[in-house]
Amino acid sequence: MFSLVLSDDAVKFPVNRHELSKEAQAKLMEFAEKLKGENKNVYLEIQGHTDSSGDKEYNYKLGEERAEAVRRFLSKEGIALNRMSTISYGEDEPVSKNTSRKGRAQNRRVVVVVLA
C-alpha cells in the first residue's frame, strides 16, 4: 500500500478552493503513470481534508469537492472510475495544529491511498 499526499508546499489548496494547481496536476499525472505501469487492479481511496476555518458542514463539502477534483483528474488520465472512491474528512483529521497559517496550510490537502 502506498499513498500520495497533495499537501506539500507546491500543491496545497488555497483557502476555500478545490481547483488543482499546475503542480498538483503534474504530480497526479506522474502518479497515474506509476499506477498504470505497476498494477491495474488497485483501488484508490481519495480523502479530502480542510483546515478548521469555516463551519463543519462547509468543510465537509469542501473536502468532498477537493477529493472529487482529484478523482476527475485521475479519470481523465485513464484510471477507471470504478477503482476510485472519495471521502471527505473535513476538518476532523488535521496533520498539524490549526493555530498557525503554516499548520492550516498543511491541513488543506487531499490524500490518495492505494489499496491493493
PDB file of N, CA and C in Angstrom:
ATOM      1  N   MET A   1       0.844  -1.186   0.000  1.00  0.00           N
ATOM      2  CA  MET A   1       0.000   0.000   0.000  1.00  0.00           C
ATOM      3  C   MET A   1       0.890   1.251   0.000  1.00  0.00           C
ATOM      4  N   PHE A   2       0.566   2.205  -0.827  1.00  0.00           N
ATOM      5  CA  PHE A   2       1.294   3.469  -0.790  1.00  0.00           C
ATOM      6  C   PHE A   2       0.299   4.593  -0.994  1.00  0.00           C
ATOM      7  N   SER A   3       0.741   5.804  -0.766  1.00  0.00           N
ATOM      8  CA  SER A   3      -0.191   6.921  -0.906  1.00  0.00           C
ATOM      9  C   SER A   3       0.517   8.134  -1.475  1.00  0.00           C
ATOM     10  N   LEU A   4      -0.286   9.037  -1.982  1.00  0.00           N
ATOM     11  CA  LEU A   4       0.197  10.312  -2.486  1.00  0.00           C
ATOM     12  C   LEU A   4      -0.523  11.384  -1.688  1.00  0.00           C
ATOM     13  N   VAL A   5       0.234  12.288  -1.120  1.00  0.00           N
ATOM     14  CA  VAL A   5      -0.374  13.378  -0.361  1.00  0.00           C
ATOM     15  C   VAL A   5      -0.171  14.669  -1.137  1.00  0.00           C
ATOM     16  N   LEU A   6      -1.272  15.306  -1.481  1.00  0.00           N
ATOM     17  CA  LEU A   6      -1.181  16.601  -2.153  1.00  0.00           C
ATOM     18  C   LEU A   6      -1.291  17.673  -1.086  1.00  0.00           C
ATOM     19  N   SER A   7      -0.180  17.895  -0.382  1.00  0.00           N
ATOM     20  CA  SER A   7      -0.224  18.940   0.643  1.00  0.00           C
ATOM     21  C   SER A   7       1.112  19.606   0.868  1.00  0.00           C
ATOM     22  N   ASP A   8       2.148  19.150   0.171  1.00  0.00           N
ATOM     23  CA  ASP A   8       3.413  19.843   0.377  1.00  0.00           C
ATOM     24  C   ASP A   8       3.296  21.249  -0.218  1.00  0.00           C
ATOM     25  N   ASP A   9       4.294  22.052  -0.005  1.00  0.00           N
ATOM     26  CA  ASP A   9       4.175  23.469  -0.357  1.00  0.00           C
ATOM     27  C   ASP A   9       3.741  23.731  -1.791  1.00  0.00           C
ATOM     28  N   ALA A  10       4.117  22.856  -2.699  1.00  0.00           N
ATOM     29  CA  ALA A  10       3.800  23.098  -4.106  1.00  0.00           C
ATOM     30  C   ALA A  10       2.322  22.914  -4.424  1.00  0.00           C
ATOM     31  N   VAL A  11       1.639  22.055  -3.697  1.00  0.00           N
ATOM     32  CA  VAL A  11       0.297  21.691  -4.160  1.00  0.00           C
ATOM     33  C   VAL A  11      -0.804  21.878  -3.126  1.00  0.00           C
ATOM     34  N   LYS A  12      -0.563  22.683  -2.121  1.00  0.00           N
ATOM     35  CA  LYS A  12      -1.634  22.929  -1.143  1.00  0.00           C
ATOM     36  C   LYS A  12      -2.813  23.608  -1.800  1.00  0.00           C
ATOM     37  N   PHE A  13      -3.965  23.343  -1.246  1.00  0.00           N
ATOM     38  CA  PHE A  13      -5.165  24.010  -1.734  1.00  0.00           C
ATOM     39  C   PHE A  13      -5.282  25.367  -1.060  1.00  0.00           C
ATOM     40  N   PRO A  14      -5.551  26.410  -1.823  1.00  0.00           N
ATOM     41  CA  PRO A  14      -5.785  27.706  -1.201  1.00  0.00           C
ATOM     42  C   PRO A  14      -7.055  27.656  -0.350  1.00  0.00           C
ATOM     43  N   VAL A  15      -7.193  28.598   0.546  1.00  0.00           N
ATOM     44  CA  VAL A  15      -8.382  28.683   1.392  1.00  0.00           C
ATOM     45  C   VAL A  15      -9.639  28.706   0.528  1.00  0.00           C
ATOM     46  N   ASN A  16     -10.618  27.904   0.903  1.00  0.00           N
ATOM     47  CA  ASN A  16     -11.928  27.849   0.239  1.00  0.00           C
ATOM     48  C   ASN A  16     -11.881  27.451  -1.230  1.00  0.00           C
ATOM     49  N   ARG A  17     -10.816  26.818  -1.676  1.00  0.00           N
ATOM     50  CA  ARG A  17     -10.714  26.438  -3.088  1.00  0.00           C
ATOM     51  C   ARG A  17     -10.525  24.934  -3.224  1.00  0.00           C
ATOM     52  N   HIS A  18     -10.954  24.410  -4.369  1.00  0.00           N
ATOM     53  CA  HIS A  18     -10.741  22.995  -4.640  1.00  0.00           C
ATOM     54  C   HIS A  18     -10.078  22.739  -5.998  1.00  0.00           C
ATOM     55  N   GLU A  19      -9.761  23.808  -6.730  1.00  0.00           N
ATOM     56  CA  GLU A  19      -9.127  23.632  -8.034  1.00  0.00           C
ATOM     57  C   GLU A  19      -7.712  23.098  -7.862  1.00  0.00           C
ATOM     58  N   LEU A  20      -7.305  22.259  -8.811  1.00  0.00           N
ATOM     59  CA  LEU A  20      -5.964  21.679  -8.758  1.00  0.00           C
ATOM     60  C   LEU A  20      -4.959  22.649  -9.382  1.00  0.00           C
ATOM     61  N   SER A  21      -3.868  22.885  -8.683  1.00  0.00           N
ATOM     62  CA  SER A  21      -2.802  23.728  -9.224  1.00  0.00           C
ATOM     63  C   SER A  21      -2.062  22.958 -10.324  1.00  0.00           C
ATOM     64  N   LYS A  22      -1.273  23.670 -11.094  1.00  0.00           N
ATOM     65  CA  LYS A  22      -0.453  23.019 -12.128  1.00  0.00           C
ATOM     66  C   LYS A  22       0.483  21.981 -11.488  1.00  0.00           C
ATOM     67  N   GLU A  23       1.012  22.322 -10.329  1.00  0.00           N
ATOM     68  CA  GLU A  23       1.916  21.402  -9.624  1.00  0.00           C
ATOM     69  C   GLU A  23       1.173  20.142  -9.193  1.00  0.00           C
ATOM     70  N   ALA A  24      -0.050  20.317  -8.710  1.00  0.00           N
ATOM     71  CA  ALA A  24      -0.850  19.158  -8.298  1.00  0.00           C
ATOM     72  C   ALA A  24      -1.162  18.281  -9.509  1.00  0.00           C
ATOM     73  N   GLN A  25      -1.507  18.923 -10.632  1.00  0.00           N
ATOM     74  CA  GLN A  25      -1.803  18.158 -11.839  1.00  0.00           C
ATOM     75  C   GLN A  25      -0.580  17.360 -12.293  1.00  0.00           C
ATOM     76  N   ALA A  26       0.590  17.982 -12.231  1.00  0.00           N
ATOM     77  CA  ALA A  26       1.819  17.292 -12.635  1.00  0.00           C
ATOM     78  C   ALA A  26       2.070  16.080 -11.736  1.00  0.00           C
ATOM     79  N   LYS A  27       1.888  16.254 -10.430  1.00  0.00           N
ATOM     80  CA  LYS A  27       2.085  15.133  -9.507  1.00  0.00           C
ATOM     81  C   LYS A  27       1.083  14.014  -9.764  1.00  0.00           C
ATOM     82  N   LEU A  28      -0.158  14.396 -10.046  1.00  0.00           N
ATOM     83  CA  LEU A  28      -1.188  13.389 -10.314  1.00  0.00           C
ATOM     84  C   LEU A  28      -0.924  12.646 -11.619  1.00  0.00           C
ATOM     85  N   MET A  29      -0.415  13.349 -12.626  1.00  0.00           N
ATOM     86  CA  MET A  29      -0.069  12.685 -13.897  1.00  0.00           C
ATOM     87  C   MET A  29       1.007  11.633 -13.658  1.00  0.00           C
ATOM     88  N   GLU A  30       2.028  12.039 -12.906  1.00  0.00           N
ATOM     89  CA  GLU A  30       3.128  11.136 -12.556  1.00  0.00           C
ATOM     90  C   GLU A  30       2.592   9.924 -11.797  1.00  0.00           C
ATOM     91  N   PHE A  31       1.718  10.191 -10.842  1.00  0.00           N
ATOM     92  CA  PHE A  31       1.109   9.155 -10.012  1.00  0.00           C
ATOM     93  C   PHE A  31       0.277   8.193 -10.871  1.00  0.00           C
ATOM     94  N   ALA A  32      -0.510   8.741 -11.791  1.00  0.00           N
ATOM     95  CA  ALA A  32      -1.340   7.916 -12.673  1.00  0.00           C
ATOM     96  C   ALA A  32      -0.464   7.020 -13.545  1.00  0.00           C
ATOM     97  N   GLU A  33       0.621   7.567 -14.072  1.00  0.00           N
ATOM     98  CA  GLU A  33       1.534   6.774 -14.900  1.00  0.00           C
ATOM     99  C   GLU A  33       2.140   5.630 -14.092  1.00  0.00           C
ATOM    100  N   LYS A  34       2.529   5.919 -12.866  1.00  0.00           N
ATOM    101  CA  LYS A  34       3.090   4.898 -11.984  1.00  0.00           C
ATOM    102  C   LYS A  34       2.060   3.793 -11.740  1.00  0.00           C
ATOM    103  N   LEU A  35       0.832   4.202 -11.468  1.00  0.00           N
ATOM    104  CA  LEU A  35      -0.240   3.228 -11.229  1.00  0.00           C
ATOM    105  C   LEU A  35      -0.478   2.356 -12.456  1.00  0.00           C
ATOM    106  N   LYS A  36      -0.552   2.989 -13.611  1.00  0.00           N
ATOM    107  CA  LYS A  36      -0.834   2.242 -14.842  1.00  0.00           C
ATOM    108  C   LYS A  36       0.318   1.299 -15.166  1.00  0.00           C
ATOM    109  N   GLY A  37       1.538   1.690 -14.805  1.00  0.00           N
ATOM    110  CA  GLY A  37       2.696   0.857 -15.080  1.00  0.00           C
ATOM    111  C   GLY A  37       2.831  -0.311 -14.117  1.00  0.00           C
ATOM    112  N   GLU A  38       2.397  -0.120 -12.876  1.00  0.00           N
ATOM    113  CA  GLU A  38       2.629  -1.144 -11.857  1.00  0.00           C
ATOM    114  C   GLU A  38       1.496  -2.148 -11.739  1.00  0.00           C
ATOM    115  N   ASN A  39       0.297  -1.666 -11.539  1.00  0.00           N
ATOM    116  CA  ASN A  39      -0.775  -2.592 -11.214  1.00  0.00           C
ATOM    117  C   ASN A  39      -2.123  -1.954 -11.502  1.00  0.00           C
ATOM    118  N   LYS A  40      -2.842  -2.556 -12.408  1.00  0.00           N
ATOM    119  CA  LYS A  40      -4.148  -2.015 -12.774  1.00  0.00           C
ATOM    120  C   LYS A  40      -5.241  -2.405 -11.771  1.00  0.00           C
ATOM    121  N   ASN A  41      -4.965  -3.348 -10.902  1.00  0.00           N
ATOM    122  CA  ASN A  41      -6.007  -3.869 -10.023  1.00  0.00           C
ATOM    123  C   ASN A  41      -6.035  -3.236  -8.641  1.00  0.00           C
ATOM    124  N   VAL A  42      -5.475  -2.061  -8.528  1.00  0.00           N
ATOM    125  CA  VAL A  42      -5.519  -1.394  -7.229  1.00  0.00           C
ATOM    126  C   VAL A  42      -6.797  -0.578  -7.116  1.00  0.00           C
ATOM    127  N   TYR A  43      -7.121  -0.217  -5.898  1.00  0.00           N
ATOM    128  CA  TYR A  43      -8.291   0.602  -5.609  1.00  0.00           C
ATOM    129  C   TYR A  43      -7.802   1.860  -4.901  1.00  0.00           C
ATOM    130  N   LEU A  44      -8.323   3.002  -5.279  1.00  0.00           N
ATOM    131  CA  LEU A  44      -7.883   4.259  -4.675  1.00  0.00           C
ATOM    132  C   LEU A  44      -8.961   4.828  -3.764  1.00  0.00           C
ATOM    133  N   GLU A  45      -8.550   5.215  -2.578  1.00  0.00           N
ATOM    134  CA  GLU A  45      -9.432   5.988  -1.712  1.00  0.00           C
ATOM    135  C   GLU A  45      -8.880   7.403  -1.701  1.00  0.00           C
ATOM    136  N   ILE A  46      -9.683   8.349  -2.148  1.00  0.00           N
ATOM    137  CA  ILE A  46      -9.249   9.742  -2.258  1.00  0.00           C
ATOM    138  C   ILE A  46      -9.894  10.516  -1.119  1.00  0.00           C
ATOM    139  N   GLN A  47      -9.057  10.981  -0.203  1.00  0.00           N
ATOM    140  CA  GLN A  47      -9.535  11.616   1.029  1.00  0.00           C
ATOM    141  C   GLN A  47      -9.343  13.126   0.959  1.00  0.00           C
ATOM    142  N   GLY A  48     -10.432  13.860   1.133  1.00  0.00           N
ATOM    143  CA  GLY A  48     -10.364  15.317   1.147  1.00  0.00           C
ATOM    144  C   GLY A  48     -10.316  15.838   2.573  1.00  0.00           C
ATOM    145  N   HIS A  49      -9.431  16.801   2.813  1.00  0.00           N
ATOM    146  CA  HIS A  49      -9.263  17.386   4.146  1.00  0.00           C
ATOM    147  C   HIS A  49      -9.261  18.904   4.048  1.00  0.00           C
ATOM    148  N   THR A  50      -9.657  19.546   5.149  1.00  0.00           N
ATOM    149  CA  THR A  50      -9.644  21.010   5.201  1.00  0.00           C
ATOM    150  C   THR A  50      -9.008  21.464   6.513  1.00  0.00           C
ATOM    151  N   ASP A  51      -8.765  22.759   6.606  1.00  0.00           N
ATOM    152  CA  ASP A  51      -8.378  23.301   7.907  1.00  0.00           C
ATOM    153  C   ASP A  51      -9.658  23.579   8.694  1.00  0.00           C
ATOM    154  N   SER A  52      -9.544  24.158   9.869  1.00  0.00           N
ATOM    155  CA  SER A  52     -10.725  24.317  10.724  1.00  0.00           C
ATOM    156  C   SER A  52     -11.428  25.657  10.558  1.00  0.00           C
ATOM    157  N   SER A  53     -10.967  26.493   9.617  1.00  0.00           N
ATOM    158  CA  SER A  53     -11.708  27.742   9.416  1.00  0.00           C
ATOM    159  C   SER A  53     -12.995  27.400   8.657  1.00  0.00           C
ATOM    160  N   GLY A  54     -14.054  28.095   8.965  1.00  0.00           N
ATOM    161  CA  GLY A  54     -15.345  27.760   8.369  1.00  0.00           C
ATOM    162  C   GLY A  54     -16.075  26.756   9.241  1.00  0.00           C
ATOM    163  N   ASP A  55     -17.384  26.582   8.989  1.00  0.00           N
ATOM    164  CA  ASP A  55     -18.114  25.641   9.836  1.00  0.00           C
ATOM    165  C   ASP A  55     -17.953  24.207   9.325  1.00  0.00           C
ATOM    166  N   LYS A  56     -18.261  23.274  10.209  1.00  0.00           N
ATOM    167  CA  LYS A  56     -18.034  21.853   9.942  1.00  0.00           C
ATOM    168  C   LYS A  56     -18.695  21.375   8.655  1.00  0.00           C
ATOM    169  N   GLU A  57     -19.952  21.748   8.466  1.00  0.00           N
ATOM    170  CA  GLU A  57     -20.698  21.297   7.295  1.00  0.00           C
ATOM    171  C   GLU A  57     -20.051  21.804   6.009  1.00  0.00           C
ATOM    172  N   TYR A  58     -19.663  23.075   6.011  1.00  0.00           N
ATOM    173  CA  TYR A  58     -18.986  23.661   4.848  1.00  0.00           C
ATOM    174  C   TYR A  58     -17.674  22.919   4.567  1.00  0.00           C
ATOM    175  N   ASN A  59     -16.923  22.608   5.628  1.00  0.00           N
ATOM    176  CA  ASN A  59     -15.636  21.939   5.452  1.00  0.00           C
ATOM    177  C   ASN A  59     -15.797  20.524   4.896  1.00  0.00           C
ATOM    178  N   TYR A  60     -16.851  19.826   5.298  1.00  0.00           N
ATOM    179  CA  TYR A  60     -17.099  18.502   4.711  1.00  0.00           C
ATOM    180  C   TYR A  60     -17.344  18.624   3.212  1.00  0.00           C
ATOM    181  N   LYS A  61     -18.139  19.606   2.821  1.00  0.00           N
ATOM    182  CA  LYS A  61     -18.442  19.816   1.405  1.00  0.00           C
ATOM    183  C   LYS A  61     -17.167  20.196   0.643  1.00  0.00           C
ATOM    184  N   LEU A  62     -16.363  21.073   1.210  1.00  0.00           N
ATOM    185  CA  LEU A  62     -15.117  21.493   0.569  1.00  0.00           C
ATOM    186  C   LEU A  62     -14.146  20.309   0.435  1.00  0.00           C
ATOM    187  N   GLY A  63     -14.054  19.502   1.473  1.00  0.00           N
ATOM    188  CA  GLY A  63     -13.199  18.309   1.415  1.00  0.00           C
ATOM    189  C   GLY A  63     -13.643  17.379   0.301  1.00  0.00           C
ATOM    190  N   GLU A  64     -14.950  17.211   0.165  1.00  0.00           N
ATOM    191  CA  GLU A  64     -15.500  16.364  -0.894  1.00  0.00           C
ATOM    192  C   GLU A  64     -15.187  16.949  -2.267  1.00  0.00           C
ATOM    193  N   GLU A  65     -15.309  18.265  -2.415  1.00  0.00           N
ATOM    194  CA  GLU A  65     -15.001  18.907  -3.706  1.00  0.00           C
ATOM    195  C   GLU A  65     -13.524  18.723  -4.067  1.00  0.00           C
ATOM    196  N   ARG A  66     -12.653  18.808  -3.081  1.00  0.00           N
ATOM    197  CA  ARG A  66     -11.216  18.602  -3.342  1.00  0.00           C
ATOM    198  C   ARG A  66     -10.952  17.165  -3.784  1.00  0.00           C
ATOM    199  N   ALA A  67     -11.549  16.212  -3.083  1.00  0.00           N
ATOM    200  CA  ALA A  67     -11.363  14.803  -3.439  1.00  0.00           C
ATOM    201  C   ALA A  67     -11.928  14.527  -4.832  1.00  0.00           C
ATOM    202  N   GLU A  68     -13.094  15.097  -5.122  1.00  0.00           N
ATOM    203  CA  GLU A  68     -13.719  14.913  -6.444  1.00  0.00           C
ATOM    204  C   GLU A  68     -12.865  15.511  -7.562  1.00  0.00           C
ATOM    205  N   ALA A  69     -12.240  16.654  -7.299  1.00  0.00           N
ATOM    206  CA  ALA A  69     -11.374  17.277  -8.310  1.00  0.00           C
ATOM    207  C   ALA A  69     -10.229  16.322  -8.667  1.00  0.00           C
ATOM    208  N   VAL A  70      -9.683  15.666  -7.656  1.00  0.00           N
ATOM    209  CA  VAL A  70      -8.601  14.702  -7.884  1.00  0.00           C
ATOM    210  C   VAL A  70      -9.131  13.478  -8.636  1.00  0.00           C
ATOM    211  N   ARG A  71     -10.308  12.994  -8.246  1.00  0.00           N
ATOM    212  CA  ARG A  71     -10.892  11.817  -8.904  1.00  0.00           C
ATOM    213  C   ARG A  71     -11.157  12.098 -10.386  1.00  0.00           C
ATOM    214  N   ARG A  72     -11.728  13.271 -10.677  1.00  0.00           N
ATOM    215  CA  ARG A  72     -11.989  13.632 -12.081  1.00  0.00           C
ATOM    216  C   ARG A  72     -10.693  13.698 -12.876  1.00  0.00           C
ATOM    217  N   PHE A  73      -9.672  14.279 -12.279  1.00  0.00           N
ATOM    218  CA  PHE A  73      -8.398  14.413 -12.977  1.00  0.00           C
ATOM    219  C   PHE A  73      -7.792  13.033 -13.258  1.00  0.00           C
ATOM    220  N   LEU A  74      -7.780  12.156 -12.253  1.00  0.00           N
ATOM    221  CA  LEU A  74      -7.215  10.809 -12.446  1.00  0.00           C
ATOM    222  C   LEU A  74      -8.017  10.024 -13.476  1.00  0.00           C
ATOM    223  N   SER A  75      -9.317  10.246 -13.507  1.00  0.00           N
ATOM    224  CA  SER A  75     -10.165   9.588 -14.503  1.00  0.00           C
ATOM    225  C   SER A  75      -9.740  10.000 -15.910  1.00  0.00           C
ATOM    226  N   LYS A  76      -9.487  11.300 -16.099  1.00  0.00           N
ATOM    227  CA  LYS A  76      -9.032  11.794 -17.410  1.00  0.00           C
ATOM    228  C   LYS A  76      -7.670  11.216 -17.780  1.00  0.00           C
ATOM    229  N   GLU A  77      -6.890  10.848 -16.765  1.00  0.00           N
ATOM    230  CA  GLU A  77      -5.562  10.268 -17.008  1.00  0.00           C
ATOM    231  C   GLU A  77      -5.633   8.750 -17.217  1.00  0.00           C
ATOM    232  N   GLY A  78      -6.854   8.206 -17.265  1.00  0.00           N
ATOM    233  CA  GLY A  78      -7.002   6.789 -17.606  1.00  0.00           C
ATOM    234  C   GLY A  78      -7.203   5.844 -16.430  1.00  0.00           C
ATOM    235  N   ILE A  79      -7.394   6.361 -15.231  1.00  0.00           N
ATOM    236  CA  ILE A  79      -7.675   5.492 -14.092  1.00  0.00           C
ATOM    237  C   ILE A  79      -9.192   5.256 -14.055  1.00  0.00           C
ATOM    238  N   ALA A  80      -9.602   3.990 -14.000  1.00  0.00           N
ATOM    239  CA  ALA A  80     -11.032   3.647 -14.065  1.00  0.00           C
ATOM    240  C   ALA A  80     -11.799   4.217 -12.874  1.00  0.00           C
ATOM    241  N   LEU A  81     -12.951   4.817 -13.155  1.00  0.00           N
ATOM    242  CA  LEU A  81     -13.772   5.409 -12.097  1.00  0.00           C
ATOM    243  C   LEU A  81     -14.197   4.386 -11.054  1.00  0.00           C
ATOM    244  N   ASN A  82     -14.450   3.146 -11.480  1.00  0.00           N
ATOM    245  CA  ASN A  82     -14.901   2.138 -10.511  1.00  0.00           C
ATOM    246  C   ASN A  82     -13.772   1.653  -9.601  1.00  0.00           C
ATOM    247  N   ARG A  83     -12.583   2.187  -9.800  1.00  0.00           N
ATOM    248  CA  ARG A  83     -11.452   1.856  -8.918  1.00  0.00           C
ATOM    249  C   ARG A  83     -11.125   3.001  -7.967  1.00  0.00           C
ATOM    250  N   MET A  84     -12.007   4.004  -7.918  1.00  0.00           N
ATOM    251  CA  MET A  84     -11.745   5.158  -7.061  1.00  0.00           C
ATOM    252  C   MET A  84     -12.984   5.498  -6.247  1.00  0.00           C
ATOM    253  N   SER A  85     -12.765   5.806  -4.985  1.00  0.00           N
ATOM    254  CA  SER A  85     -13.860   6.336  -4.170  1.00  0.00           C
ATOM    255  C   SER A  85     -13.341   7.577  -3.465  1.00  0.00           C
ATOM    256  N   THR A  86     -14.261   8.477  -3.149  1.00  0.00           N
ATOM    257  CA  THR A  86     -13.879   9.693  -2.445  1.00  0.00           C
ATOM    258  C   THR A  86     -14.549   9.728  -1.082  1.00  0.00           C
ATOM    259  N   ILE A  87     -13.871  10.338  -0.150  1.00  0.00           N
ATOM    260  CA  ILE A  87     -14.430  10.551   1.177  1.00  0.00           C
ATOM    261  C   ILE A  87     -13.911  11.887   1.687  1.00  0.00           C
ATOM    262  N   SER A  88     -14.751  12.599   2.394  1.00  0.00           N
ATOM    263  CA  SER A  88     -14.319  13.858   2.995  1.00  0.00           C
ATOM    264  C   SER A  88     -14.229  13.692   4.503  1.00  0.00           C
ATOM    265  N   TYR A  89     -13.087  14.094   5.028  1.00  0.00           N
ATOM    266  CA  TYR A  89     -12.927  14.132   6.483  1.00  0.00           C
ATOM    267  C   TYR A  89     -13.092  15.559   6.995  1.00  0.00           C
ATOM    268  N   GLY A  90     -13.295  16.506   6.085  1.00  0.00           N
ATOM    269  CA  GLY A  90     -13.440  17.892   6.502  1.00  0.00           C
ATOM    270  C   GLY A  90     -12.261  18.306   7.364  1.00  0.00           C
ATOM    271  N   GLU A  91     -12.560  18.855   8.524  1.00  0.00           N
ATOM    272  CA  GLU A  91     -11.509  19.326   9.438  1.00  0.00           C
ATOM    273  C   GLU A  91     -11.155  18.296  10.509  1.00  0.00           C
ATOM    274  N   ASP A  92     -11.745  17.080  10.421  1.00  0.00           N
ATOM    275  CA  ASP A  92     -11.670  16.121  11.527  1.00  0.00           C
ATOM    276  C   ASP A  92     -10.325  15.408  11.714  1.00  0.00           C
ATOM    277  N   GLU A  93      -9.475  15.386  10.701  1.00  0.00           N
ATOM    278  CA  GLU A  93      -8.200  14.673  10.834  1.00  0.00           C
ATOM    279  C   GLU A  93      -7.017  15.575  10.476  1.00  0.00           C
ATOM    280  N   PRO A  94      -6.778  16.605  11.284  1.00  0.00           N
ATOM    281  CA  PRO A  94      -5.657  17.503  10.976  1.00  0.00           C
ATOM    282  C   PRO A  94      -4.309  16.794  11.151  1.00  0.00           C
ATOM    283  N   VAL A  95      -3.344  17.181  10.330  1.00  0.00           N
ATOM    284  CA  VAL A  95      -1.982  16.675  10.492  1.00  0.00           C
ATOM    285  C   VAL A  95      -1.123  17.695  11.223  1.00  0.00           C
ATOM    286  N   SER A  96      -1.688  18.867  11.431  1.00  0.00           N
ATOM    287  CA  SER A  96      -0.978  19.941  12.096  1.00  0.00           C
ATOM    288  C   SER A  96      -1.981  20.779  12.879  1.00  0.00           C
ATOM    289  N   LYS A  97      -1.483  21.620  13.769  1.00  0.00           N
ATOM    290  CA  LYS A  97      -2.384  22.492  14.533  1.00  0.00           C
ATOM    291  C   LYS A  97      -2.965  23.563  13.615  1.00  0.00           C
ATOM    292  N   ASN A  98      -4.222  23.896  13.843  1.00  0.00           N
ATOM    293  CA  ASN A  98      -4.882  24.932  13.052  1.00  0.00           C
ATOM    294  C   ASN A  98      -4.645  26.324  13.625  1.00  0.00           C
ATOM    295  N   THR A  99      -3.695  26.439  14.552  1.00  0.00           N
ATOM    296  CA  THR A  99      -3.458  27.723  15.213  1.00  0.00           C
ATOM    297  C   THR A  99      -2.487  28.611  14.452  1.00  0.00           C
ATOM    298  N   SER A 100      -1.813  28.057  13.436  1.00  0.00           N
ATOM    299  CA  SER A 100      -0.885  28.879  12.653  1.00  0.00           C
ATOM    300  C   SER A 100      -1.233  28.775  11.177  1.00  0.00           C
ATOM    301  N   ARG A 101      -0.787  29.768  10.415  1.00  0.00           N
ATOM    302  CA  ARG A 101      -1.018  29.762   8.967  1.00  0.00           C
ATOM    303  C   ARG A 101      -0.389  28.510   8.340  1.00  0.00           C
ATOM    304  N   LYS A 102       0.822  28.165   8.776  1.00  0.00           N
ATOM    305  CA  LYS A 102       1.521  27.006   8.222  1.00  0.00           C
ATOM    306  C   LYS A 102       0.762  25.714   8.540  1.00  0.00           C
ATOM    307  N   GLY A 103       0.279  25.612   9.767  1.00  0.00           N
ATOM    308  CA  GLY A 103      -0.475  24.425  10.165  1.00  0.00           C
ATOM    309  C   GLY A 103      -1.757  24.271   9.369  1.00  0.00           C
ATOM    310  N   ARG A 104      -2.490  25.372   9.199  1.00  0.00           N
ATOM    311  CA  ARG A 104      -3.732  25.323   8.417  1.00  0.00           C
ATOM    312  C   ARG A 104      -3.445  24.923   6.981  1.00  0.00           C
ATOM    313  N   ALA A 105      -2.352  25.449   6.418  1.00  0.00           N
ATOM    314  CA  ALA A 105      -1.990  25.118   5.035  1.00  0.00           C
ATOM    315  C   ALA A 105      -1.713  23.618   4.897  1.00  0.00           C
ATOM    316  N   GLN A 106      -1.067  23.013   5.900  1.00  0.00           N
ATOM    317  CA  GLN A 106      -0.787  21.572   5.847  1.00  0.00           C
ATOM    318  C   GLN A 106      -2.066  20.750   5.933  1.00  0.00           C
ATOM    319  N   ASN A 107      -3.066  21.283   6.592  1.00  0.00           N
ATOM    320  CA  ASN A 107      -4.324  20.562   6.746  1.00  0.00           C
ATOM    321  C   ASN A 107      -5.213  20.622   5.509  1.00  0.00           C
ATOM    322  N   ARG A 108      -4.979  21.587   4.641  1.00  0.00           N
ATOM    323  CA  ARG A 108      -5.739  21.677   3.383  1.00  0.00           C
ATOM    324  C   ARG A 108      -5.074  20.755   2.375  1.00  0.00           C
ATOM    325  N   ARG A 109      -5.582  19.534   2.297  1.00  0.00           N
ATOM    326  CA  ARG A 109      -4.881  18.538   1.490  1.00  0.00           C
ATOM    327  C   ARG A 109      -5.836  17.480   0.963  1.00  0.00           C
ATOM    328  N   VAL A 110      -5.333  16.723   0.003  1.00  0.00           N
ATOM    329  CA  VAL A 110      -6.000  15.501  -0.451  1.00  0.00           C
ATOM    330  C   VAL A 110      -4.981  14.400  -0.336  1.00  0.00           C
ATOM    331  N   VAL A 111      -5.408  13.271   0.226  1.00  0.00           N
ATOM    332  CA  VAL A 111      -4.552  12.099   0.334  1.00  0.00           C
ATOM    333  C   VAL A 111      -5.145  11.026  -0.562  1.00  0.00           C
ATOM    334  N   VAL A 112      -4.316  10.471  -1.449  1.00  0.00           N
ATOM    335  CA  VAL A 112      -4.755   9.372  -2.301  1.00  0.00           C
ATOM    336  C   VAL A 112      -4.089   8.103  -1.758  1.00  0.00           C
ATOM    337  N   VAL A 113      -4.907   7.219  -1.208  1.00  0.00           N
ATOM    338  CA  VAL A 113      -4.388   5.976  -0.628  1.00  0.00           C
ATOM    339  C   VAL A 113      -4.620   4.848  -1.622  1.00  0.00           C
ATOM    340  N   VAL A 114      -3.553   4.108  -1.927  1.00  0.00           N
ATOM    341  CA  VAL A 114      -3.646   2.990  -2.860  1.00  0.00           C
ATOM    342  C   VAL A 114      -3.839   1.709  -2.047  1.00  0.00           C
ATOM    343  N   LEU A 115      -4.965   1.078  -2.255  1.00  0.00           N
ATOM    344  CA  LEU A 115      -5.275  -0.166  -1.555  1.00  0.00           C
ATOM    345  C   LEU A 115      -5.103  -1.315  -2.536  1.00  0.00           C
ATOM    346  N   ALA A 116      -4.344  -2.306  -2.154  1.00  0.00           N
ATOM    347  CA  ALA A 116      -4.101  -3.431  -3.063  1.00  0.00           C
ATOM    348  C   ALA A 116      -5.322  -4.349  -3.130  1.00  0.00           C
TER     349      ALA A 116
END
